[in-house]
Amino acid sequence: NNSIQFGNLIDNPFDGSGWEFSIDFKQWDHNDFVQYCQFIGVDSANLAEINHAWNPDTSQEVSGQDFTTDKLGNVEWCRNVLGLNYGLSQQLSTMIRHRIIKYE
């Protein structure tokens, strides 16, 4: 089993909902990224913050292009760009890094 849980977030690609590790997350648009966050269990208040997040480097909405260890895989980047608290930033960045490793 390659699913991961950290805090309240769970990334279980084997539950039949279509979020397998073989999916190329770099192809995800902003809506796909928000749906992934919902899939792993980000609560609705924080989903609203994520839904309005823009990458300051590209001036585009956060998407699969930001699935890197130095962006979404980084606690501070999640805090600063997504506006999440430290605990949730830590959980989300851990989920992202795990998914990156499993995809590679």
C-alpha atoms as a PDB file:
ATOM      1  CA  ASN A   1       0.000   0.000   0.000  1.00  0.00           C
ATOM      2  CA  ASN A   2       1.503   3.301  -1.094  1.00  0.00           C
ATOM      3  CA  SER A   3      -1.122   5.604   0.350  1.00  0.00           C
ATOM      4  CA  ILE A   4      -0.010   8.228   2.841  1.00  0.00           C
ATOM      5  CA  GLN A   5      -1.691   9.937   5.764  1.00  0.00           C
ATOM      6  CA  PHE A   6      -0.396  12.948   7.659  1.00  0.00           C
ATOM      7  CA  GLY A   7      -2.670  14.704  10.099  1.00  0.00           C
ATOM      8  CA  ASN A   8      -6.129  14.937   8.571  1.00  0.00           C
ATOM      9  CA  LEU A   9      -4.940  14.517   4.987  1.00  0.00           C
ATOM     10  CA  ILE A  10      -4.924  11.159   3.201  1.00  0.00           C
ATOM     11  CA  ASP A  11      -3.681  10.468  -0.324  1.00  0.00           C
ATOM     12  CA  ASN A  12      -5.025   7.036  -1.218  1.00  0.00           C
ATOM     13  CA  PRO A  13      -4.822   6.543  -4.993  1.00  0.00           C
ATOM     14  CA  PHE A  14      -6.292   3.046  -4.705  1.00  0.00           C
ATOM     15  CA  ASP A  15      -9.782   4.010  -3.565  1.00  0.00           C
ATOM     16  CA  GLY A  16     -11.199   3.948  -7.104  1.00  0.00           C
ATOM     17  CA  SER A  17     -11.770   7.678  -7.451  1.00  0.00           C
ATOM     18  CA  GLY A  18      -9.272   8.171 -10.284  1.00  0.00           C
ATOM     19  CA  TRP A  19      -6.316   9.782  -8.497  1.00  0.00           C
ATOM     20  CA  GLU A  20      -3.713   7.072  -9.188  1.00  0.00           C
ATOM     21  CA  PHE A  21       0.006   7.831  -8.800  1.00  0.00           C
ATOM     22  CA  SER A  22       0.481   7.225 -12.538  1.00  0.00           C
ATOM     23  CA  ILE A  23      -1.369  10.449 -13.404  1.00  0.00           C
ATOM     24  CA  ASP A  24       0.920  13.209 -14.665  1.00  0.00           C
ATOM     25  CA  PHE A  25       0.145  16.012 -12.212  1.00  0.00           C
ATOM     26  CA  LYS A  26       2.160  18.461 -14.346  1.00  0.00           C
ATOM     27  CA  GLN A  27      -0.824  18.392 -16.739  1.00  0.00           C
ATOM     28  CA  TRP A  28      -3.285  19.474 -14.031  1.00  0.00           C
ATOM     29  CA  ASP A  29      -4.868  22.861 -14.386  1.00  0.00           C
ATOM     30  CA  HIS A  30      -5.916  24.936 -11.402  1.00  0.00           C
ATOM     31  CA  ASN A  31      -9.282  23.187 -11.047  1.00  0.00           C
ATOM     32  CA  ASP A  32      -7.623  19.753 -11.081  1.00  0.00           C
ATOM     33  CA  PHE A  33      -5.275  20.919  -8.313  1.00  0.00           C
ATOM     34  CA  VAL A  34      -8.184  22.195  -6.206  1.00  0.00           C
ATOM     35  CA  GLN A  35     -10.056  18.898  -6.755  1.00  0.00           C
ATOM     36  CA  TYR A  36      -6.939  16.970  -5.697  1.00  0.00           C
ATOM     37  CA  CYS A  37      -6.789  19.041  -2.494  1.00  0.00           C
ATOM     38  CA  GLN A  38     -10.427  18.190  -1.876  1.00  0.00           C
ATOM     39  CA  PHE A  39      -9.692  14.496  -2.558  1.00  0.00           C
ATOM     40  CA  ILE A  40      -6.938  14.362   0.074  1.00  0.00           C
ATOM     41  CA  GLY A  41      -9.192  16.028   2.637  1.00  0.00           C
ATOM     42  CA  VAL A  42      -8.417  19.740   2.746  1.00  0.00           C
ATOM     43  CA  ASP A  43     -11.385  21.377   4.496  1.00  0.00           C
ATOM     44  CA  SER A  44     -13.700  23.806   2.700  1.00  0.00           C
ATOM     45  CA  ALA A  45     -12.358  26.971   4.356  1.00  0.00           C
ATOM     46  CA  ASN A  46      -8.815  26.203   3.244  1.00  0.00           C
ATOM     47  CA  LEU A  47     -10.040  25.049  -0.177  1.00  0.00           C
ATOM     48  CA  ALA A  48     -11.427  28.567  -0.619  1.00  0.00           C
ATOM     49  CA  GLU A  49      -7.950  29.991   0.076  1.00  0.00           C
ATOM     50  CA  ILE A  50      -6.337  27.514  -2.315  1.00  0.00           C
ATOM     51  CA  ASN A  51      -8.934  28.281  -4.981  1.00  0.00           C
ATOM     52  CA  HIS A  52      -7.811  31.927  -4.992  1.00  0.00           C
ATOM     53  CA  ALA A  53      -4.059  31.218  -4.891  1.00  0.00           C
ATOM     54  CA  TRP A  54      -1.819  32.703  -7.561  1.00  0.00           C
ATOM     55  CA  ASN A  55       1.831  31.878  -8.129  1.00  0.00           C
ATOM     56  CA  PRO A  56       3.708  35.171  -7.641  1.00  0.00           C
ATOM     57  CA  ASP A  57       6.464  34.074 -10.061  1.00  0.00           C
ATOM     58  CA  THR A  58       4.170  33.358 -13.001  1.00  0.00           C
ATOM     59  CA  SER A  59       1.077  35.452 -12.130  1.00  0.00           C
ATOM     60  CA  GLN A  60      -1.007  32.366 -12.905  1.00  0.00           C
ATOM     61  CA  GLU A  61      -3.287  30.270 -10.733  1.00  0.00           C
ATOM     62  CA  VAL A  62      -1.549  27.492  -8.834  1.00  0.00           C
ATOM     63  CA  SER A  63      -1.643  24.303 -10.922  1.00  0.00           C
ATOM     64  CA  GLY A  64       0.225  21.094 -11.632  1.00  0.00           C
ATOM     65  CA  GLN A  65       3.128  23.168 -12.921  1.00  0.00           C
ATOM     66  CA  ASP A  66       3.749  24.087  -9.274  1.00  0.00           C
ATOM     67  CA  PHE A  67       4.077  20.404  -8.251  1.00  0.00           C
ATOM     68  CA  THR A  68       7.765  20.689  -7.388  1.00  0.00           C
ATOM     69  CA  THR A  69       9.685  20.166  -4.178  1.00  0.00           C
ATOM     70  CA  ASP A  70      10.560  23.860  -3.998  1.00  0.00           C
ATOM     71  CA  LYS A  71       6.980  25.074  -4.519  1.00  0.00           C
ATOM     72  CA  LEU A  72       4.008  22.927  -3.395  1.00  0.00           C
ATOM     73  CA  GLY A  73       6.420  20.480  -1.760  1.00  0.00           C
ATOM     74  CA  ASN A  74       7.793  23.282   0.421  1.00  0.00           C
ATOM     75  CA  VAL A  75       6.106  24.222   3.709  1.00  0.00           C
ATOM     76  CA  GLU A  76       6.983  27.923   3.482  1.00  0.00           C
ATOM     77  CA  TRP A  77       5.803  28.205  -0.138  1.00  0.00           C
ATOM     78  CA  CYS A  78       2.445  26.678   0.854  1.00  0.00           C
ATOM     79  CA  ARG A  79       2.158  29.126   3.740  1.00  0.00           C
ATOM     80  CA  ASN A  80       3.090  32.194   1.717  1.00  0.00           C
ATOM     81  CA  VAL A  81       1.393  31.450  -1.605  1.00  0.00           C
ATOM     82  CA  LEU A  82      -1.610  29.347  -0.548  1.00  0.00           C
ATOM     83  CA  GLY A  83      -2.195  31.231   2.702  1.00  0.00           C
ATOM     84  CA  LEU A  84      -2.393  28.060   4.798  1.00  0.00           C
ATOM     85  CA  ASN A  85      -1.378  27.762   8.453  1.00  0.00           C
ATOM     86  CA  TYR A  86       1.868  26.014   9.303  1.00  0.00           C
ATOM     87  CA  GLY A  87       0.277  22.675  10.261  1.00  0.00           C
ATOM     88  CA  LEU A  88      -1.756  22.358   7.067  1.00  0.00           C
ATOM     89  CA  SER A  89       1.161  23.614   4.980  1.00  0.00           C
ATOM     90  CA  GLN A  90       3.315  20.884   6.483  1.00  0.00           C
ATOM     91  CA  GLN A  91       0.673  18.226   5.764  1.00  0.00           C
ATOM     92  CA  LEU A  92      -0.004  19.375   2.192  1.00  0.00           C
ATOM     93  CA  SER A  93       3.670  19.714   1.268  1.00  0.00           C
ATOM     94  CA  THR A  94       4.280  16.193   2.605  1.00  0.00           C
ATOM     95  CA  MET A  95       1.443  14.852   0.411  1.00  0.00           C
ATOM     96  CA  ILE A  96       2.879  16.645  -2.625  1.00  0.00           C
ATOM     97  CA  ARG A  97       6.436  15.367  -2.078  1.00  0.00           C
ATOM     98  CA  HIS A  98       5.123  11.811  -1.629  1.00  0.00           C
ATOM     99  CA  ARG A  99       3.123  12.038  -4.867  1.00  0.00           C
ATOM    100  CA  ILE A 100       6.144  13.417  -6.735  1.00  0.00           C
ATOM    101  CA  ILE A 101       8.273  10.489  -5.538  1.00  0.00           C
ATOM    102  CA  LYS A 102       5.597   7.928  -6.422  1.00  0.00           C
ATOM    103  CA  TYR A 103       5.145   9.402  -9.909  1.00  0.00           C
ATOM    104  CA  GLU A 104       8.869   9.397 -10.654  1.00  0.00           C
END
